[in-house]
Amino acid sequence: MDAASDLREAEKVRLLNRLAEIMVEEQREAGTFQSTPHLCELEGISESLAKRLGCVSLSRAVREVAAGCETRAVCPNCGQDCAIEMNKREVKGVSGSIELMEPMAHCSACRRDFFPSA
């Protein structure tokens, strides 16, 4: 790894450790540790945090894909050059709901919408 990769990795570890500390603080306030919790209970709490992180990181990644999308596309029906607009749409992922930016174009000649690949 290069120096930039090393710095990113160190920052990820720092942030993940901080998230773990926040999770424990919340569970301490909720009284989870007043008795010995079952490992499954702790694991469920950790998985919930992991799912939230998954949704946030996936949402960010799909915004990056959308940012690289073309601004124009050819109508698959008639070949006319059409402008692309980005529309927000909520989709269900494995970890939960994410906001997706979906490219959509409208062909005025065909009077139809089409969805070019991002």
PDB file of N, CA and C in Angstrom:
ATOM      1  N   MET A   1       0.835  -1.186   0.000  1.00  0.00           N
ATOM      2  CA  MET A   1       0.000   0.000   0.000  1.00  0.00           C
ATOM      3  C   MET A   1       0.878   1.247   0.000  1.00  0.00           C
ATOM      4  N   ASP A   2       0.337   2.288  -0.605  1.00  0.00           N
ATOM      5  CA  ASP A   2       1.059   3.556  -0.597  1.00  0.00           C
ATOM      6  C   ASP A   2       0.665   4.362   0.640  1.00  0.00           C
ATOM      7  N   ALA A   3       1.275   5.521   0.802  1.00  0.00           N
ATOM      8  CA  ALA A   3       1.042   6.334   2.003  1.00  0.00           C
ATOM      9  C   ALA A   3      -0.411   6.779   2.108  1.00  0.00           C
ATOM     10  N   ALA A   4      -1.027   7.156   1.000  1.00  0.00           N
ATOM     11  CA  ALA A   4      -2.427   7.595   1.022  1.00  0.00           C
ATOM     12  C   ALA A   4      -3.346   6.454   1.445  1.00  0.00           C
ATOM     13  N   SER A   5      -3.085   5.257   0.946  1.00  0.00           N
ATOM     14  CA  SER A   5      -3.884   4.085   1.335  1.00  0.00           C
ATOM     15  C   SER A   5      -3.715   3.773   2.810  1.00  0.00           C
ATOM     16  N   ASP A   6      -2.496   3.881   3.302  1.00  0.00           N
ATOM     17  CA  ASP A   6      -2.229   3.642   4.720  1.00  0.00           C
ATOM     18  C   ASP A   6      -2.995   4.638   5.596  1.00  0.00           C
ATOM     19  N   LEU A   7      -3.010   5.902   5.174  1.00  0.00           N
ATOM     20  CA  LEU A   7      -3.729   6.929   5.931  1.00  0.00           C
ATOM     21  C   LEU A   7      -5.235   6.664   5.933  1.00  0.00           C
ATOM     22  N   ARG A   8      -5.780   6.279   4.780  1.00  0.00           N
ATOM     23  CA  ARG A   8      -7.210   5.962   4.707  1.00  0.00           C
ATOM     24  C   ARG A   8      -7.549   4.780   5.603  1.00  0.00           C
ATOM     25  N   GLU A   9      -6.713   3.765   5.574  1.00  0.00           N
ATOM     26  CA  GLU A   9      -6.954   2.582   6.395  1.00  0.00           C
ATOM     27  C   GLU A   9      -6.904   2.940   7.884  1.00  0.00           C
ATOM     28  N   ALA A  10      -5.938   3.747   8.269  1.00  0.00           N
ATOM     29  CA  ALA A  10      -5.842   4.169   9.670  1.00  0.00           C
ATOM     30  C   ALA A  10      -7.071   4.983  10.074  1.00  0.00           C
ATOM     31  N   GLU A  11      -7.553   5.830   9.194  1.00  0.00           N
ATOM     32  CA  GLU A  11      -8.748   6.634   9.476  1.00  0.00           C
ATOM     33  C   GLU A  11      -9.984   5.743   9.598  1.00  0.00           C
ATOM     34  N   LYS A  12     -10.108   4.735   8.746  1.00  0.00           N
ATOM     35  CA  LYS A  12     -11.231   3.794   8.854  1.00  0.00           C
ATOM     36  C   LYS A  12     -11.203   3.075  10.195  1.00  0.00           C
ATOM     37  N   VAL A  13     -10.049   2.605  10.595  1.00  0.00           N
ATOM     38  CA  VAL A  13      -9.920   1.907  11.879  1.00  0.00           C
ATOM     39  C   VAL A  13     -10.290   2.841  13.020  1.00  0.00           C
ATOM     40  N   ARG A  14      -9.829   4.077  12.967  1.00  0.00           N
ATOM     41  CA  ARG A  14     -10.141   5.059  14.017  1.00  0.00           C
ATOM     42  C   ARG A  14     -11.647   5.299  14.090  1.00  0.00           C
ATOM     43  N   LEU A  15     -12.282   5.503  12.942  1.00  0.00           N
ATOM     44  CA  LEU A  15     -13.722   5.772  12.916  1.00  0.00           C
ATOM     45  C   LEU A  15     -14.538   4.555  13.351  1.00  0.00           C
ATOM     46  N   LEU A  16     -14.139   3.379  12.915  1.00  0.00           N
ATOM     47  CA  LEU A  16     -14.842   2.161  13.338  1.00  0.00           C
ATOM     48  C   LEU A  16     -14.728   1.951  14.849  1.00  0.00           C
ATOM     49  N   ASN A  17     -13.557   2.202  15.394  1.00  0.00           N
ATOM     50  CA  ASN A  17     -13.373   2.096  16.842  1.00  0.00           C
ATOM     51  C   ASN A  17     -14.240   3.116  17.582  1.00  0.00           C
ATOM     52  N   ARG A  18     -14.344   4.312  17.035  1.00  0.00           N
ATOM     53  CA  ARG A  18     -15.194   5.343  17.656  1.00  0.00           C
ATOM     54  C   ARG A  18     -16.658   4.928  17.591  1.00  0.00           C
ATOM     55  N   LEU A  19     -17.107   4.385  16.471  1.00  0.00           N
ATOM     56  CA  LEU A  19     -18.484   3.892  16.371  1.00  0.00           C
ATOM     57  C   LEU A  19     -18.751   2.794  17.394  1.00  0.00           C
ATOM     58  N   ALA A  20     -17.786   1.912  17.593  1.00  0.00           N
ATOM     59  CA  ALA A  20     -17.932   0.851  18.588  1.00  0.00           C
ATOM     60  C   ALA A  20     -18.055   1.443  19.990  1.00  0.00           C
ATOM     61  N   GLU A  21     -17.269   2.464  20.289  1.00  0.00           N
ATOM     62  CA  GLU A  21     -17.348   3.122  21.598  1.00  0.00           C
ATOM     63  C   GLU A  21     -18.710   3.771  21.805  1.00  0.00           C
ATOM     64  N   ILE A  22     -19.234   4.427  20.761  1.00  0.00           N
ATOM     65  CA  ILE A  22     -20.558   5.056  20.851  1.00  0.00           C
ATOM     66  C   ILE A  22     -21.622   3.992  21.092  1.00  0.00           C
ATOM     67  N   MET A  23     -21.513   2.871  20.400  1.00  0.00           N
ATOM     68  CA  MET A  23     -22.469   1.787  20.564  1.00  0.00           C
ATOM     69  C   MET A  23     -22.461   1.275  22.007  1.00  0.00           C
ATOM     70  N   VAL A  24     -21.279   1.098  22.582  1.00  0.00           N
ATOM     71  CA  VAL A  24     -21.168   0.623  23.970  1.00  0.00           C
ATOM     72  C   VAL A  24     -21.733   1.673  24.935  1.00  0.00           C
ATOM     73  N   GLU A  25     -21.452   2.960  24.681  1.00  0.00           N
ATOM     74  CA  GLU A  25     -22.011   4.024  25.522  1.00  0.00           C
ATOM     75  C   GLU A  25     -23.538   3.962  25.521  1.00  0.00           C
ATOM     76  N   GLU A  26     -24.134   3.779  24.339  1.00  0.00           N
ATOM     77  CA  GLU A  26     -25.594   3.699  24.234  1.00  0.00           C
ATOM     78  C   GLU A  26     -26.132   2.482  24.986  1.00  0.00           C
ATOM     79  N   GLN A  27     -25.443   1.362  24.863  1.00  0.00           N
ATOM     80  CA  GLN A  27     -25.896   0.156  25.542  1.00  0.00           C
ATOM     81  C   GLN A  27     -25.721   0.265  27.054  1.00  0.00           C
ATOM     82  N   ARG A  28     -24.675   0.938  27.481  1.00  0.00           N
ATOM     83  CA  ARG A  28     -24.472   1.165  28.916  1.00  0.00           C
ATOM     84  C   ARG A  28     -25.623   2.015  29.456  1.00  0.00           C
ATOM     85  N   GLU A  29     -25.988   3.089  28.721  1.00  0.00           N
ATOM     86  CA  GLU A  29     -27.097   3.952  29.132  1.00  0.00           C
ATOM     87  C   GLU A  29     -28.422   3.186  29.137  1.00  0.00           C
ATOM     88  N   ALA A  30     -28.584   2.228  28.225  1.00  0.00           N
ATOM     89  CA  ALA A  30     -29.812   1.436  28.148  1.00  0.00           C
ATOM     90  C   ALA A  30     -29.858   0.334  29.201  1.00  0.00           C
ATOM     91  N   GLY A  31     -28.779   0.152  29.956  1.00  0.00           N
ATOM     92  CA  GLY A  31     -28.744  -0.848  31.008  1.00  0.00           C
ATOM     93  C   GLY A  31     -28.372  -2.247  30.546  1.00  0.00           C
ATOM     94  N   THR A  32     -27.869  -2.374  29.347  1.00  0.00           N
ATOM     95  CA  THR A  32     -27.517  -3.688  28.802  1.00  0.00           C
ATOM     96  C   THR A  32     -26.500  -4.415  29.662  1.00  0.00           C
ATOM     97  N   PHE A  33     -25.581  -3.684  30.290  1.00  0.00           N
ATOM     98  CA  PHE A  33     -24.489  -4.318  31.019  1.00  0.00           C
ATOM     99  C   PHE A  33     -24.743  -4.435  32.528  1.00  0.00           C
ATOM    100  N   GLN A  34     -25.990  -4.160  32.960  1.00  0.00           N
ATOM    101  CA  GLN A  34     -26.311  -4.311  34.388  1.00  0.00           C
ATOM    102  C   GLN A  34     -26.311  -5.782  34.784  1.00  0.00           C
ATOM    103  N   SER A  35     -26.598  -6.627  33.808  1.00  0.00           N
ATOM    104  CA  SER A  35     -26.433  -8.073  33.983  1.00  0.00           C
ATOM    105  C   SER A  35     -25.594  -8.542  32.796  1.00  0.00           C
ATOM    106  N   THR A  36     -25.243  -9.786  32.792  1.00  0.00           N
ATOM    107  CA  THR A  36     -24.427 -10.291  31.699  1.00  0.00           C
ATOM    108  C   THR A  36     -25.312 -10.543  30.472  1.00  0.00           C
ATOM    109  N   PRO A  37     -25.125  -9.742  29.408  1.00  0.00           N
ATOM    110  CA  PRO A  37     -25.967  -9.940  28.224  1.00  0.00           C
ATOM    111  C   PRO A  37     -25.528 -11.185  27.458  1.00  0.00           C
ATOM    112  N   HIS A  38     -26.481 -11.772  26.777  1.00  0.00           N
ATOM    113  CA  HIS A  38     -26.168 -12.920  25.922  1.00  0.00           C
ATOM    114  C   HIS A  38     -25.406 -12.404  24.701  1.00  0.00           C
ATOM    115  N   LEU A  39     -24.467 -13.189  24.238  1.00  0.00           N
ATOM    116  CA  LEU A  39     -23.664 -12.795  23.087  1.00  0.00           C
ATOM    117  C   LEU A  39     -24.543 -12.480  21.878  1.00  0.00           C
ATOM    118  N   CYS A  40     -25.634 -13.219  21.700  1.00  0.00           N
ATOM    119  CA  CYS A  40     -26.542 -12.976  20.571  1.00  0.00           C
ATOM    120  C   CYS A  40     -27.138 -11.573  20.625  1.00  0.00           C
ATOM    121  N   GLU A  41     -27.426 -11.092  21.836  1.00  0.00           N
ATOM    122  CA  GLU A  41     -27.961  -9.738  21.994  1.00  0.00           C
ATOM    123  C   GLU A  41     -26.928  -8.704  21.541  1.00  0.00           C
ATOM    124  N   LEU A  42     -25.699  -8.880  21.989  1.00  0.00           N
ATOM    125  CA  LEU A  42     -24.624  -7.953  21.586  1.00  0.00           C
ATOM    126  C   LEU A  42     -24.361  -8.031  20.084  1.00  0.00           C
ATOM    127  N   GLU A  43     -24.414  -9.242  19.561  1.00  0.00           N
ATOM    128  CA  GLU A  43     -24.188  -9.414  18.124  1.00  0.00           C
ATOM    129  C   GLU A  43     -25.278  -8.730  17.310  1.00  0.00           C
ATOM    130  N   GLY A  44     -26.521  -8.822  17.762  1.00  0.00           N
ATOM    131  CA  GLY A  44     -27.627  -8.160  17.065  1.00  0.00           C
ATOM    132  C   GLY A  44     -27.450  -6.654  17.025  1.00  0.00           C
ATOM    133  N   ILE A  45     -26.998  -6.087  18.128  1.00  0.00           N
ATOM    134  CA  ILE A  45     -26.745  -4.642  18.192  1.00  0.00           C
ATOM    135  C   ILE A  45     -25.627  -4.268  17.221  1.00  0.00           C
ATOM    136  N   SER A  46     -24.581  -5.071  17.182  1.00  0.00           N
ATOM    137  CA  SER A  46     -23.460  -4.811  16.277  1.00  0.00           C
ATOM    138  C   SER A  46     -23.896  -4.933  14.813  1.00  0.00           C
ATOM    139  N   GLU A  47     -24.727  -5.935  14.524  1.00  0.00           N
ATOM    140  CA  GLU A  47     -25.209  -6.115  13.154  1.00  0.00           C
ATOM    141  C   GLU A  47     -26.081  -4.952  12.717  1.00  0.00           C
ATOM    142  N   SER A  48     -26.849  -4.406  13.633  1.00  0.00           N
ATOM    143  CA  SER A  48     -27.677  -3.250  13.313  1.00  0.00           C
ATOM    144  C   SER A  48     -26.814  -2.055  12.904  1.00  0.00           C
ATOM    145  N   LEU A  49     -25.739  -1.840  13.646  1.00  0.00           N
ATOM    146  CA  LEU A  49     -24.806  -0.760  13.305  1.00  0.00           C
ATOM    147  C   LEU A  49     -24.144  -1.034  11.960  1.00  0.00           C
ATOM    148  N   ALA A  50     -23.775  -2.280  11.711  1.00  0.00           N
ATOM    149  CA  ALA A  50     -23.142  -2.653  10.439  1.00  0.00           C
ATOM    150  C   ALA A  50     -24.089  -2.404   9.268  1.00  0.00           C
ATOM    151  N   LYS A  51     -25.377  -2.700   9.450  1.00  0.00           N
ATOM    152  CA  LYS A  51     -26.353  -2.460   8.384  1.00  0.00           C
ATOM    153  C   LYS A  51     -26.497  -0.979   8.094  1.00  0.00           C
ATOM    154  N   ARG A  52     -26.516  -0.172   9.143  1.00  0.00           N
ATOM    155  CA  ARG A  52     -26.588   1.280   8.940  1.00  0.00           C
ATOM    156  C   ARG A  52     -25.376   1.778   8.171  1.00  0.00           C
ATOM    157  N   LEU A  53     -24.196   1.299   8.546  1.00  0.00           N
ATOM    158  CA  LEU A  53     -22.975   1.678   7.839  1.00  0.00           C
ATOM    159  C   LEU A  53     -23.046   1.214   6.382  1.00  0.00           C
ATOM    160  N   GLY A  54     -23.560   0.018   6.160  1.00  0.00           N
ATOM    161  CA  GLY A  54     -23.697  -0.501   4.799  1.00  0.00           C
ATOM    162  C   GLY A  54     -24.584   0.383   3.943  1.00  0.00           C
ATOM    163  N   CYS A  55     -25.711   0.829   4.499  1.00  0.00           N
ATOM    164  CA  CYS A  55     -26.622   1.700   3.749  1.00  0.00           C
ATOM    165  C   CYS A  55     -25.977   3.046   3.428  1.00  0.00           C
ATOM    166  N   VAL A  56     -25.297   3.619   4.401  1.00  0.00           N
ATOM    167  CA  VAL A  56     -24.648   4.922   4.192  1.00  0.00           C
ATOM    168  C   VAL A  56     -23.547   4.812   3.136  1.00  0.00           C
ATOM    169  N   SER A  57     -22.707   3.788   3.247  1.00  0.00           N
ATOM    170  CA  SER A  57     -21.593   3.658   2.296  1.00  0.00           C
ATOM    171  C   SER A  57     -22.093   3.289   0.894  1.00  0.00           C
ATOM    172  N   LEU A  58     -23.132   2.471   0.817  1.00  0.00           N
ATOM    173  CA  LEU A  58     -23.686   2.118  -0.489  1.00  0.00           C
ATOM    174  C   LEU A  58     -24.353   3.321  -1.147  1.00  0.00           C
ATOM    175  N   SER A  59     -25.073   4.120  -0.365  1.00  0.00           N
ATOM    176  CA  SER A  59     -25.679   5.341  -0.907  1.00  0.00           C
ATOM    177  C   SER A  59     -24.609   6.269  -1.475  1.00  0.00           C
ATOM    178  N   ARG A  60     -23.514   6.388  -0.755  1.00  0.00           N
ATOM    179  CA  ARG A  60     -22.418   7.254  -1.227  1.00  0.00           C
ATOM    180  C   ARG A  60     -21.801   6.705  -2.500  1.00  0.00           C
ATOM    181  N   ALA A  61     -21.634   5.391  -2.567  1.00  0.00           N
ATOM    182  CA  ALA A  61     -21.035   4.779  -3.759  1.00  0.00           C
ATOM    183  C   ALA A  61     -21.922   4.958  -4.990  1.00  0.00           C
ATOM    184  N   VAL A  62     -23.230   4.803  -4.833  1.00  0.00           N
ATOM    185  CA  VAL A  62     -24.100   4.959  -6.002  1.00  0.00           C
ATOM    186  C   VAL A  62     -24.181   6.413  -6.439  1.00  0.00           C
ATOM    187  N   ARG A  63     -24.021   7.366  -5.504  1.00  0.00           N
ATOM    188  CA  ARG A  63     -23.942   8.779  -5.915  1.00  0.00           C
ATOM    189  C   ARG A  63     -22.694   9.016  -6.753  1.00  0.00           C
ATOM    190  N   GLU A  64     -21.615   8.338  -6.417  1.00  0.00           N
ATOM    191  CA  GLU A  64     -20.373   8.474  -7.188  1.00  0.00           C
ATOM    192  C   GLU A  64     -20.555   7.920  -8.599  1.00  0.00           C
ATOM    193  N   VAL A  65     -21.241   6.785  -8.713  1.00  0.00           N
ATOM    194  CA  VAL A  65     -21.529   6.209 -10.032  1.00  0.00           C
ATOM    195  C   VAL A  65     -22.377   7.189 -10.848  1.00  0.00           C
ATOM    196  N   ALA A  66     -23.405   7.753 -10.220  1.00  0.00           N
ATOM    197  CA  ALA A  66     -24.286   8.702 -10.913  1.00  0.00           C
ATOM    198  C   ALA A  66     -23.532   9.955 -11.351  1.00  0.00           C
ATOM    199  N   ALA A  67     -22.569  10.391 -10.543  1.00  0.00           N
ATOM    200  CA  ALA A  67     -21.795  11.591 -10.888  1.00  0.00           C
ATOM    201  C   ALA A  67     -20.978  11.386 -12.162  1.00  0.00           C
ATOM    202  N   GLY A  68     -20.617  10.140 -12.453  1.00  0.00           N
ATOM    203  CA  GLY A  68     -19.848   9.852 -13.663  1.00  0.00           C
ATOM    204  C   GLY A  68     -20.705   9.553 -14.883  1.00  0.00           C
ATOM    205  N   CYS A  69     -22.014   9.651 -14.715  1.00  0.00           N
ATOM    206  CA  CYS A  69     -22.940   9.335 -15.805  1.00  0.00           C
ATOM    207  C   CYS A  69     -22.886  10.419 -16.889  1.00  0.00           C
ATOM    208  N   GLU A  70     -23.119  10.003 -18.094  1.00  0.00           N
ATOM    209  CA  GLU A  70     -23.187  10.943 -19.213  1.00  0.00           C
ATOM    210  C   GLU A  70     -24.367  11.900 -19.017  1.00  0.00           C
ATOM    211  N   THR A  71     -24.327  13.044 -19.686  1.00  0.00           N
ATOM    212  CA  THR A  71     -25.420  14.013 -19.584  1.00  0.00           C
ATOM    213  C   THR A  71     -26.408  13.883 -20.741  1.00  0.00           C
ATOM    214  N   ARG A  72     -26.030  13.088 -21.742  1.00  0.00           N
ATOM    215  CA  ARG A  72     -26.905  12.891 -22.899  1.00  0.00           C
ATOM    216  C   ARG A  72     -26.864  11.421 -23.296  1.00  0.00           C
ATOM    217  N   ALA A  73     -27.961  10.964 -23.915  1.00  0.00           N
ATOM    218  CA  ALA A  73     -28.031   9.578 -24.377  1.00  0.00           C
ATOM    219  C   ALA A  73     -28.862   9.520 -25.652  1.00  0.00           C
ATOM    220  N   VAL A  74     -28.603   8.494 -26.431  1.00  0.00           N
ATOM    221  CA  VAL A  74     -29.334   8.294 -27.689  1.00  0.00           C
ATOM    222  C   VAL A  74     -30.571   7.447 -27.396  1.00  0.00           C
ATOM    223  N   CYS A  75     -31.709   7.895 -27.895  1.00  0.00           N
ATOM    224  CA  CYS A  75     -32.947   7.146 -27.726  1.00  0.00           C
ATOM    225  C   CYS A  75     -32.789   5.766 -28.372  1.00  0.00           C
ATOM    226  N   PRO A  76     -33.095   4.700 -27.639  1.00  0.00           N
ATOM    227  CA  PRO A  76     -32.951   3.359 -28.200  1.00  0.00           C
ATOM    228  C   PRO A  76     -33.974   3.057 -29.296  1.00  0.00           C
ATOM    229  N   ASN A  77     -35.012   3.880 -29.397  1.00  0.00           N
ATOM    230  CA  ASN A  77     -36.061   3.658 -30.391  1.00  0.00           C
ATOM    231  C   ASN A  77     -35.772   4.384 -31.706  1.00  0.00           C
ATOM    232  N   CYS A  78     -35.492   5.700 -31.624  1.00  0.00           N
ATOM    233  CA  CYS A  78     -35.344   6.490 -32.857  1.00  0.00           C
ATOM    234  C   CYS A  78     -33.947   7.055 -33.077  1.00  0.00           C
ATOM    235  N   GLY A  79     -33.082   6.997 -32.070  1.00  0.00           N
ATOM    236  CA  GLY A  79     -31.717   7.491 -32.227  1.00  0.00           C
ATOM    237  C   GLY A  79     -31.535   8.967 -31.930  1.00  0.00           C
ATOM    238  N   GLN A  80     -32.589   9.657 -31.505  1.00  0.00           N
ATOM    239  CA  GLN A  80     -32.469  11.085 -31.194  1.00  0.00           C
ATOM    240  C   GLN A  80     -31.611  11.284 -29.948  1.00  0.00           C
ATOM    241  N   ASP A  81     -30.802  12.341 -29.950  1.00  0.00           N
ATOM    242  CA  ASP A  81     -29.973  12.700 -28.816  1.00  0.00           C
ATOM    243  C   ASP A  81     -30.853  13.350 -27.746  1.00  0.00           C
ATOM    244  N   CYS A  82     -30.819  12.841 -26.519  1.00  0.00           N
ATOM    245  CA  CYS A  82     -31.705  13.312 -25.455  1.00  0.00           C
ATOM    246  C   CYS A  82     -30.909  13.649 -24.193  1.00  0.00           C
ATOM    247  N   ALA A  83     -31.379  14.649 -23.483  1.00  0.00           N
ATOM    248  CA  ALA A  83     -30.759  15.031 -22.214  1.00  0.00           C
ATOM    249  C   ALA A  83     -31.123  14.010 -21.133  1.00  0.00           C
ATOM    250  N   ILE A  84     -30.172  13.786 -20.224  1.00  0.00           N
ATOM    251  CA  ILE A  84     -30.385  12.879 -19.096  1.00  0.00           C
ATOM    252  C   ILE A  84     -30.590  13.706 -17.838  1.00  0.00           C
ATOM    253  N   GLU A  85     -31.601  13.347 -17.064  1.00  0.00           N
ATOM    254  CA  GLU A  85     -31.836  13.945 -15.754  1.00  0.00           C
ATOM    255  C   GLU A  85     -31.634  12.863 -14.701  1.00  0.00           C
ATOM    256  N   MET A  86     -31.224  13.281 -13.518  1.00  0.00           N
ATOM    257  CA  MET A  86     -31.071  12.342 -12.419  1.00  0.00           C
ATOM    258  C   MET A  86     -32.287  12.447 -11.503  1.00  0.00           C
ATOM    259  N   ASN A  87     -32.869  11.315 -11.198  1.00  0.00           N
ATOM    260  CA  ASN A  87     -34.022  11.255 -10.303  1.00  0.00           C
ATOM    261  C   ASN A  87     -33.666  10.423  -9.081  1.00  0.00           C
ATOM    262  N   LYS A  88     -34.122  10.893  -7.922  1.00  0.00           N
ATOM    263  CA  LYS A  88     -33.904  10.137  -6.689  1.00  0.00           C
ATOM    264  C   LYS A  88     -34.970   9.059  -6.584  1.00  0.00           C
ATOM    265  N   ARG A  89     -34.527   7.890  -6.129  1.00  0.00           N
ATOM    266  CA  ARG A  89     -35.450   6.772  -5.935  1.00  0.00           C
ATOM    267  C   ARG A  89     -34.944   5.957  -4.763  1.00  0.00           C
ATOM    268  N   GLU A  90     -35.849   5.518  -3.924  1.00  0.00           N
ATOM    269  CA  GLU A  90     -35.466   4.673  -2.795  1.00  0.00           C
ATOM    270  C   GLU A  90     -35.576   3.214  -3.213  1.00  0.00           C
ATOM    271  N   VAL A  91     -34.522   2.464  -2.941  1.00  0.00           N
ATOM    272  CA  VAL A  91     -34.527   1.032  -3.232  1.00  0.00           C
ATOM    273  C   VAL A  91     -34.129   0.270  -1.982  1.00  0.00           C
ATOM    274  N   LYS A  92     -34.544  -0.979  -1.931  1.00  0.00           N
ATOM    275  CA  LYS A  92     -34.193  -1.844  -0.797  1.00  0.00           C
ATOM    276  C   LYS A  92     -32.950  -2.639  -1.159  1.00  0.00           C
ATOM    277  N   GLY A  93     -31.927  -2.495  -0.346  1.00  0.00           N
ATOM    278  CA  GLY A  93     -30.720  -3.294  -0.493  1.00  0.00           C
ATOM    279  C   GLY A  93     -30.708  -4.378   0.576  1.00  0.00           C
ATOM    280  N   VAL A  94     -29.683  -5.174   0.597  1.00  0.00           N
ATOM    281  CA  VAL A  94     -29.557  -6.233   1.596  1.00  0.00           C
ATOM    282  C   VAL A  94     -29.529  -5.638   3.002  1.00  0.00           C
ATOM    283  N   SER A  95     -28.869  -4.499   3.165  1.00  0.00           N
ATOM    284  CA  SER A  95     -28.733  -3.886   4.491  1.00  0.00           C
ATOM    285  C   SER A  95     -29.892  -2.977   4.863  1.00  0.00           C
ATOM    286  N   GLY A  96     -30.728  -2.628   3.895  1.00  0.00           N
ATOM    287  CA  GLY A  96     -31.847  -1.726   4.167  1.00  0.00           C
ATOM    288  C   GLY A  96     -32.085  -0.799   2.995  1.00  0.00           C
ATOM    289  N   SER A  97     -32.853   0.251   3.224  1.00  0.00           N
ATOM    290  CA  SER A  97     -33.201   1.202   2.173  1.00  0.00           C
ATOM    291  C   SER A  97     -32.037   2.141   1.885  1.00  0.00           C
ATOM    292  N   ILE A  98     -31.861   2.407   0.609  1.00  0.00           N
ATOM    293  CA  ILE A  98     -30.859   3.392   0.192  1.00  0.00           C
ATOM    294  C   ILE A  98     -31.492   4.326  -0.831  1.00  0.00           C
ATOM    295  N   GLU A  99     -30.939   5.526  -0.928  1.00  0.00           N
ATOM    296  CA  GLU A  99     -31.378   6.481  -1.933  1.00  0.00           C
ATOM    297  C   GLU A  99     -30.497   6.315  -3.158  1.00  0.00           C
ATOM    298  N   LEU A 100     -31.129   6.110  -4.273  1.00  0.00           N
ATOM    299  CA  LEU A 100     -30.428   5.858  -5.526  1.00  0.00           C
ATOM    300  C   LEU A 100     -30.650   7.033  -6.465  1.00  0.00           C
ATOM    301  N   MET A 101     -29.614   7.450  -7.153  1.00  0.00           N
ATOM    302  CA  MET A 101     -29.757   8.454  -8.203  1.00  0.00           C
ATOM    303  C   MET A 101     -29.846   7.685  -9.526  1.00  0.00           C
ATOM    304  N   GLU A 102     -30.991   7.816 -10.186  1.00  0.00           N
ATOM    305  CA  GLU A 102     -31.248   7.039 -11.391  1.00  0.00           C
ATOM    306  C   GLU A 102     -31.287   7.954 -12.608  1.00  0.00           C
ATOM    307  N   PRO A 103     -30.464   7.663 -13.631  1.00  0.00           N
ATOM    308  CA  PRO A 103     -30.514   8.476 -14.845  1.00  0.00           C
ATOM    309  C   PRO A 103     -31.778   8.163 -15.644  1.00  0.00           C
ATOM    310  N   MET A 104     -32.438   9.221 -16.123  1.00  0.00           N
ATOM    311  CA  MET A 104     -33.627   9.056 -16.948  1.00  0.00           C
ATOM    312  C   MET A 104     -33.573  10.083 -18.065  1.00  0.00           C
ATOM    313  N   ALA A 105     -33.914   9.655 -19.253  1.00  0.00           N
ATOM    314  CA  ALA A 105     -33.967  10.564 -20.398  1.00  0.00           C
ATOM    315  C   ALA A 105     -35.371  10.510 -20.994  1.00  0.00           C
ATOM    316  N   HIS A 106     -35.763  11.606 -21.621  1.00  0.00           N
ATOM    317  CA  HIS A 106     -37.066  11.656 -22.286  1.00  0.00           C
ATOM    318  C   HIS A 106     -36.846  11.991 -23.754  1.00  0.00           C
ATOM    319  N   CYS A 107     -37.412  11.176 -24.618  1.00  0.00           N
ATOM    320  CA  CYS A 107     -37.341  11.435 -26.053  1.00  0.00           C
ATOM    321  C   CYS A 107     -38.633  12.121 -26.464  1.00  0.00           C
ATOM    322  N   SER A 108     -38.515  13.379 -26.898  1.00  0.00           N
ATOM    323  CA  SER A 108     -39.715  14.119 -27.301  1.00  0.00           C
ATOM    324  C   SER A 108     -40.275  13.592 -28.619  1.00  0.00           C
ATOM    325  N   ALA A 109     -39.407  13.038 -29.464  1.00  0.00           N
ATOM    326  CA  ALA A 109     -39.884  12.493 -30.736  1.00  0.00           C
ATOM    327  C   ALA A 109     -40.737  11.245 -30.519  1.00  0.00           C
ATOM    328  N   CYS A 110     -40.304  10.366 -29.667  1.00  0.00           N
ATOM    329  CA  CYS A 110     -41.032   9.115 -29.394  1.00  0.00           C
ATOM    330  C   CYS A 110     -42.048   9.279 -28.266  1.00  0.00           C
ATOM    331  N   ARG A 111     -41.924  10.374 -27.519  1.00  0.00           N
ATOM    332  CA  ARG A 111     -42.757  10.629 -26.345  1.00  0.00           C
ATOM    333  C   ARG A 111     -42.667   9.482 -25.343  1.00  0.00           C
ATOM    334  N   ARG A 112     -41.422   9.146 -25.029  1.00  0.00           N
ATOM    335  CA  ARG A 112     -41.204   8.058 -24.065  1.00  0.00           C
ATOM    336  C   ARG A 112     -39.984   8.362 -23.219  1.00  0.00           C
ATOM    337  N   ASP A 113     -39.988   7.814 -22.034  1.00  0.00           N
ATOM    338  CA  ASP A 113     -38.827   7.896 -21.152  1.00  0.00           C
ATOM    339  C   ASP A 113     -38.025   6.623 -21.321  1.00  0.00           C
ATOM    340  N   PHE A 114     -36.717   6.761 -21.131  1.00  0.00           N
ATOM    341  CA  PHE A 114     -35.861   5.574 -21.102  1.00  0.00           C
ATOM    342  C   PHE A 114     -34.776   5.798 -20.064  1.00  0.00           C
ATOM    343  N   PHE A 115     -34.201   4.703 -19.636  1.00  0.00           N
ATOM    344  CA  PHE A 115     -33.267   4.738 -18.514  1.00  0.00           C
ATOM    345  C   PHE A 115     -31.899   4.217 -18.957  1.00  0.00           C
ATOM    346  N   PRO A 116     -31.036   5.145 -19.373  1.00  0.00           N
ATOM    347  CA  PRO A 116     -29.691   4.709 -19.795  1.00  0.00           C
ATOM    348  C   PRO A 116     -28.909   4.139 -18.617  1.00  0.00           C
ATOM    349  N   SER A 117     -28.011   3.251 -18.908  1.00  0.00           N
ATOM    350  CA  SER A 117     -27.195   2.649 -17.866  1.00  0.00           C
ATOM    351  C   SER A 117     -26.250   3.681 -17.277  1.00  0.00           C
ATOM    352  N   ALA A 118     -26.178   3.688 -15.946  1.00  0.00           N
ATOM    353  CA  ALA A 118     -25.237   4.591 -15.274  1.00  0.00           C
ATOM    354  C   ALA A 118     -23.915   3.926 -15.359  1.00  0.00           C
TER     355      ALA A 118
END
